[in-house]
Amino acid sequence: MRVLFLHGWHSVPGGIKPSYLREQGHVVFNPQLDDDDFAAALATAQTEFDRHQPDVIIGSSRGGAVAMNIVSGATPLILLCPAWKRWGRATKLKPNSAILHSRLDDVIPIADSEELVSISELPPETLIEVGSDHRLADEASLIAMEWLCQMHASGQPLPWLEVERLSPTSTRRNGEACSQAEGSYLCDACGEEIVIPLDLSEGSHQRYVEDCPVCCRANIIHVEIDDDGRPRVWAAPEQDSE
């Protein structure tokens, strides 16, 4: 996937976030943006977009404002704590956009992103709460950012799952704490409901063996993800797989 990554104010190309995306196999265009002249930063970003025609644009902080103000057609936007009130004239997002923002951000208040989603008349799920500060350089934030890239690469609309998902630690969505995606099954042996984390990146049809944490009997766990991104989980006794 080709990603145009627009860095924040007084940041530089090659930071943690674009480097993480490269490590995941994406082709990342990460130009140096002028810190003092917003018009010059826009011109650089527009030139990079026109030249490379990326599949997705990611804008961090001031780079989010840059992303909102260039002409990018239907190319999806992923904004990280966007500073849209401080720079540029754009005040609305296109439908295929997503925002990652920390409620603990002490640089750009998350209320700005909540207002942007509301003004744009987009679903509240457009804003995903994650991370512990403005930088969004922690593992949970990086996973969430790359997950959004993968969703856009799939060509499917963002699913806005009703189950908790995304990070291995402290991701938040709409103010509710969540870890990874979660599902539950009834143990075939003891009948207890067992809640398990789900790894949505492993595909829409998953099957593996897991011991019940209550009775220690082995179950074959089946996971299916439907076209709307909703998971269905059920269990069967291991001997039934023969």
Protein backbone atom coordinates (compact mmCIF):
# COMPACT_ATOMS: atom_id res chain seq x y z
CA MET A 1 0.00 0.00 0.00
CA ARG A 2 1.24 3.51 -0.84
CA VAL A 3 0.93 5.92 2.10
CA LEU A 4 1.49 9.67 2.08
CA PHE A 5 2.49 10.51 5.66
CA LEU A 6 2.37 14.21 6.60
CA HIS A 7 4.29 14.94 9.80
CA GLY A 8 3.44 17.43 12.52
CA TRP A 9 4.83 20.83 13.40
CA HIS A 10 8.55 20.73 14.27
CA SER A 11 8.61 17.04 13.46
CA VAL A 12 10.78 15.47 10.78
CA PRO A 13 10.48 12.72 8.17
CA GLY A 14 11.44 9.24 9.27
CA GLY A 15 9.79 9.33 12.70
CA ILE A 16 8.34 6.44 14.68
CA LYS A 17 4.98 6.32 12.90
CA PRO A 18 6.12 6.34 9.25
CA SER A 19 8.95 3.97 10.16
CA TYR A 20 6.43 1.57 11.72
CA LEU A 21 4.35 1.62 8.54
CA ARG A 22 7.43 0.81 6.47
CA GLU A 23 8.21 -2.10 8.80
CA GLN A 24 4.73 -3.45 8.05
CA GLY A 25 5.53 -3.50 4.35
CA HIS A 26 3.90 -0.24 3.20
CA VAL A 27 5.52 2.17 0.76
CA VAL A 28 5.62 5.47 2.64
CA PHE A 29 6.14 8.93 1.15
CA ASN A 30 7.13 11.23 4.01
CA PRO A 31 8.11 14.70 2.74
CA GLN A 32 9.65 17.48 4.81
CA LEU A 33 6.95 20.12 5.38
CA ASP A 34 7.76 23.76 6.03
CA ASP A 35 7.14 24.55 9.72
CA ASP A 36 6.77 28.30 9.27
CA ASP A 37 4.85 28.66 6.01
CA PHE A 38 1.59 26.69 5.89
CA ALA A 39 1.05 27.51 2.22
CA ALA A 40 4.49 26.09 1.41
CA ALA A 41 3.67 22.95 3.42
CA LEU A 42 0.44 22.59 1.43
CA ALA A 43 2.29 22.98 -1.85
CA THR A 44 4.81 20.28 -0.91
CA ALA A 45 2.08 17.88 0.20
CA GLN A 46 0.04 18.52 -2.95
CA THR A 47 3.07 17.87 -5.15
CA GLU A 48 3.78 14.59 -3.35
CA PHE A 49 0.15 13.53 -3.65
CA ASP A 50 -0.03 14.35 -7.35
CA ARG A 51 3.26 12.58 -8.04
CA HIS A 52 2.68 9.36 -6.12
CA GLN A 53 -1.13 9.01 -6.05
CA PRO A 54 -1.12 7.28 -2.64
CA ASP A 55 -3.79 4.84 -1.50
CA VAL A 56 -4.23 6.64 1.81
CA ILE A 57 -3.11 9.90 3.42
CA ILE A 58 -2.09 10.03 7.08
CA GLY A 59 -1.73 13.42 8.72
CA SER A 60 -0.34 13.90 12.22
CA SER A 61 -1.31 17.04 14.19
CA ARG A 62 -0.47 19.97 11.87
CA GLY A 63 0.00 17.36 9.14
CA GLY A 64 -3.65 16.47 9.69
CA ALA A 65 -4.60 20.04 8.85
CA VAL A 66 -2.39 19.83 5.76
CA ALA A 67 -4.10 16.57 4.75
CA MET A 68 -7.54 18.17 5.07
CA ASN A 69 -6.57 21.15 2.92
CA ILE A 70 -4.95 19.50 -0.10
CA VAL A 71 -6.97 18.34 -3.10
CA SER A 72 -7.05 14.57 -2.71
CA GLY A 73 -10.32 13.45 -4.27
CA ALA A 74 -11.67 10.22 -2.80
CA THR A 75 -8.36 9.15 -1.24
CA PRO A 76 -9.04 8.12 2.38
CA LEU A 77 -7.73 10.22 5.25
CA ILE A 78 -6.41 8.96 8.58
CA LEU A 79 -5.86 11.88 10.93
CA LEU A 80 -3.84 11.67 14.14
CA CYS A 81 -4.85 14.35 16.66
CA PRO A 82 -5.48 16.80 13.80
CA ALA A 83 -4.79 20.49 14.45
CA TRP A 84 -7.49 21.60 12.01
CA LYS A 85 -8.53 24.60 14.12
CA ARG A 86 -5.02 26.06 14.12
CA TRP A 87 -4.11 25.79 10.44
CA GLY A 88 -5.94 25.90 7.13
CA ARG A 89 -9.52 26.58 6.13
CA ALA A 90 -10.98 23.09 5.82
CA THR A 91 -13.64 22.35 8.44
CA LYS A 92 -15.13 19.09 7.20
CA LEU A 93 -14.00 15.53 6.55
CA LYS A 94 -14.95 13.30 3.65
CA PRO A 95 -16.84 10.11 4.49
CA ASN A 96 -13.92 7.68 4.13
CA SER A 97 -11.98 9.33 6.96
CA ALA A 98 -10.94 8.22 10.43
CA ILE A 99 -9.42 10.04 13.38
CA LEU A 100 -7.18 8.65 16.11
CA HIS A 101 -6.97 10.87 19.19
CA SER A 102 -6.01 10.45 22.83
CA ARG A 103 -8.32 11.80 25.53
CA LEU A 104 -5.12 12.58 27.45
CA ASP A 105 -3.79 14.81 24.65
CA ASP A 106 -2.62 18.07 26.25
CA VAL A 107 -1.68 19.72 22.94
CA ILE A 108 -4.81 19.35 20.78
CA PRO A 109 -7.94 18.66 22.86
CA ILE A 110 -9.97 15.65 21.77
CA ALA A 111 -13.00 17.96 21.83
CA ASP A 112 -11.64 19.44 18.58
CA SER A 113 -11.87 16.04 16.89
CA GLU A 114 -15.31 15.41 18.36
CA GLU A 115 -16.44 18.75 16.92
CA LEU A 116 -14.90 17.93 13.53
CA VAL A 117 -16.78 14.62 13.34
CA SER A 118 -20.02 16.34 14.32
CA ILE A 119 -19.61 19.18 11.80
CA SER A 120 -18.81 16.64 9.09
CA GLU A 121 -22.00 14.68 9.95
CA LEU A 122 -20.00 11.48 10.24
CA PRO A 123 -20.69 8.56 12.61
CA PRO A 124 -19.25 9.01 16.11
CA GLU A 125 -17.18 5.88 15.47
CA THR A 126 -15.12 7.93 13.00
CA LEU A 127 -13.21 9.06 16.08
CA ILE A 128 -11.23 6.27 17.76
CA GLU A 129 -9.77 7.03 21.17
CA VAL A 130 -6.33 5.55 21.64
CA GLY A 131 -2.99 6.33 23.23
CA SER A 132 -1.81 8.26 26.24
CA ASP A 133 -0.54 11.53 24.75
CA HIS A 134 -0.42 13.72 21.66
CA ARG A 135 2.33 11.77 19.91
CA LEU A 136 0.35 8.52 19.45
CA ALA A 137 3.66 6.67 19.24
CA ASP A 138 2.74 3.87 21.67
CA GLU A 139 2.13 0.32 20.48
CA ALA A 140 -1.66 0.52 20.70
CA SER A 141 -1.76 3.68 18.56
CA LEU A 142 0.62 2.28 15.97
CA ILE A 143 -1.47 -0.90 15.68
CA ALA A 144 -4.66 1.15 15.31
CA MET A 145 -3.09 3.33 12.60
CA GLU A 146 -1.84 0.34 10.61
CA TRP A 147 -5.17 -1.47 11.08
CA LEU A 148 -6.94 1.46 9.45
CA CYS A 149 -4.47 1.30 6.56
CA GLN A 150 -5.26 -2.39 6.10
CA MET A 151 -8.99 -1.68 6.13
CA HIS A 152 -8.58 0.92 3.40
CA ALA A 153 -6.33 -1.44 1.42
CA SER A 154 -9.08 -4.06 1.48
CA GLY A 155 -11.35 -1.73 -0.45
CA GLN A 156 -14.14 -2.23 2.09
CA PRO A 157 -15.90 0.56 3.99
CA LEU A 158 -14.71 1.03 7.54
CA PRO A 159 -16.79 -1.46 9.54
CA TRP A 160 -17.05 0.42 12.84
CA LEU A 161 -17.43 -2.83 14.71
CA GLU A 162 -19.76 -3.07 17.67
CA VAL A 163 -17.29 -5.32 19.45
CA GLU A 164 -14.20 -4.04 21.21
CA ARG A 165 -11.14 -4.20 19.04
CA LEU A 166 -7.78 -2.95 17.86
CA SER A 167 -5.05 -2.78 20.47
CA PRO A 168 -3.36 -5.18 22.84
CA THR A 169 -3.41 -2.76 25.74
CA SER A 170 -5.23 0.52 26.14
CA THR A 171 -7.13 1.40 22.97
CA ARG A 172 -10.37 3.30 23.47
CA ARG A 173 -13.34 3.76 21.14
CA ASN A 174 -16.07 6.29 21.92
CA GLY A 175 -14.85 6.60 25.50
CA GLU A 176 -15.14 2.89 26.32
CA ALA A 177 -12.02 0.98 27.30
CA CYS A 178 -11.16 -1.98 25.11
CA SER A 179 -8.27 -4.35 24.57
CA GLN A 180 -8.34 -6.47 21.43
CA ALA A 181 -11.45 -7.46 19.56
CA GLU A 182 -13.35 -9.83 21.81
CA GLY A 183 -15.79 -12.68 21.33
CA SER A 184 -17.22 -15.43 23.49
CA TYR A 185 -18.14 -19.09 23.20
CA LEU A 186 -19.84 -21.69 25.36
CA CYS A 187 -17.50 -24.51 26.39
CA ASP A 188 -18.96 -27.75 25.05
CA ALA A 189 -17.81 -29.64 28.14
CA CYS A 190 -18.81 -27.43 31.09
CA GLY A 191 -21.17 -24.90 29.48
CA GLU A 192 -19.30 -21.86 30.80
CA GLU A 193 -19.23 -18.74 28.64
CA ILE A 194 -15.59 -17.97 27.83
CA VAL A 195 -14.54 -14.52 26.59
CA ILE A 196 -11.54 -14.57 24.25
CA PRO A 197 -9.51 -11.94 22.35
CA LEU A 198 -9.83 -12.01 18.57
CA ASP A 199 -7.14 -11.18 16.04
CA LEU A 200 -9.09 -9.82 13.08
CA SER A 201 -5.91 -9.69 10.98
CA GLU A 202 -5.87 -13.51 10.85
CA GLY A 203 -8.67 -13.59 8.30
CA SER A 204 -12.43 -13.99 8.12
CA HIS A 205 -12.41 -17.76 8.74
CA GLN A 206 -10.35 -18.99 11.71
CA ARG A 207 -10.14 -22.36 13.46
CA TYR A 208 -7.87 -23.36 16.33
CA VAL A 209 -7.74 -25.45 19.52
CA GLU A 210 -8.03 -23.82 22.94
CA ASP A 211 -8.35 -25.34 26.41
CA CYS A 212 -11.28 -24.09 28.46
CA PRO A 213 -9.84 -22.03 31.37
CA VAL A 214 -12.59 -23.40 33.64
CA CYS A 215 -12.61 -27.17 33.01
CA CYS A 216 -9.40 -27.52 30.94
CA ARG A 217 -11.19 -29.51 28.20
CA ALA A 218 -10.04 -28.78 24.66
CA ASN A 219 -12.41 -27.01 22.28
CA ILE A 220 -12.16 -26.33 18.57
CA ILE A 221 -12.76 -22.57 18.33
CA HIS A 222 -14.36 -21.29 15.14
CA VAL A 223 -14.33 -17.58 14.24
CA GLU A 224 -16.08 -16.10 11.24
CA ILE A 225 -16.10 -12.40 10.33
CA ASP A 226 -19.03 -11.32 8.17
CA ASP A 227 -18.95 -8.71 5.40
CA ASP A 228 -19.88 -5.98 7.88
CA GLY A 229 -16.96 -6.86 10.14
CA ARG A 230 -19.05 -8.57 12.84
CA PRO A 231 -17.45 -11.68 14.36
CA ARG A 232 -19.28 -14.93 15.17
CA VAL A 233 -17.59 -17.36 17.56
CA TRP A 234 -18.56 -20.92 18.53
CA ALA A 235 -16.88 -24.01 19.94
CA ALA A 236 -17.00 -27.74 19.25
CA PRO A 237 -15.37 -30.58 21.20
CA GLU A 238 -11.94 -31.48 19.86
CA GLN A 239 -12.86 -35.07 19.03
CA ASP A 240 -15.53 -33.81 16.59
CA SER A 241 -12.78 -32.56 14.33
CA GLU A 242 -11.65 -36.09 13.44
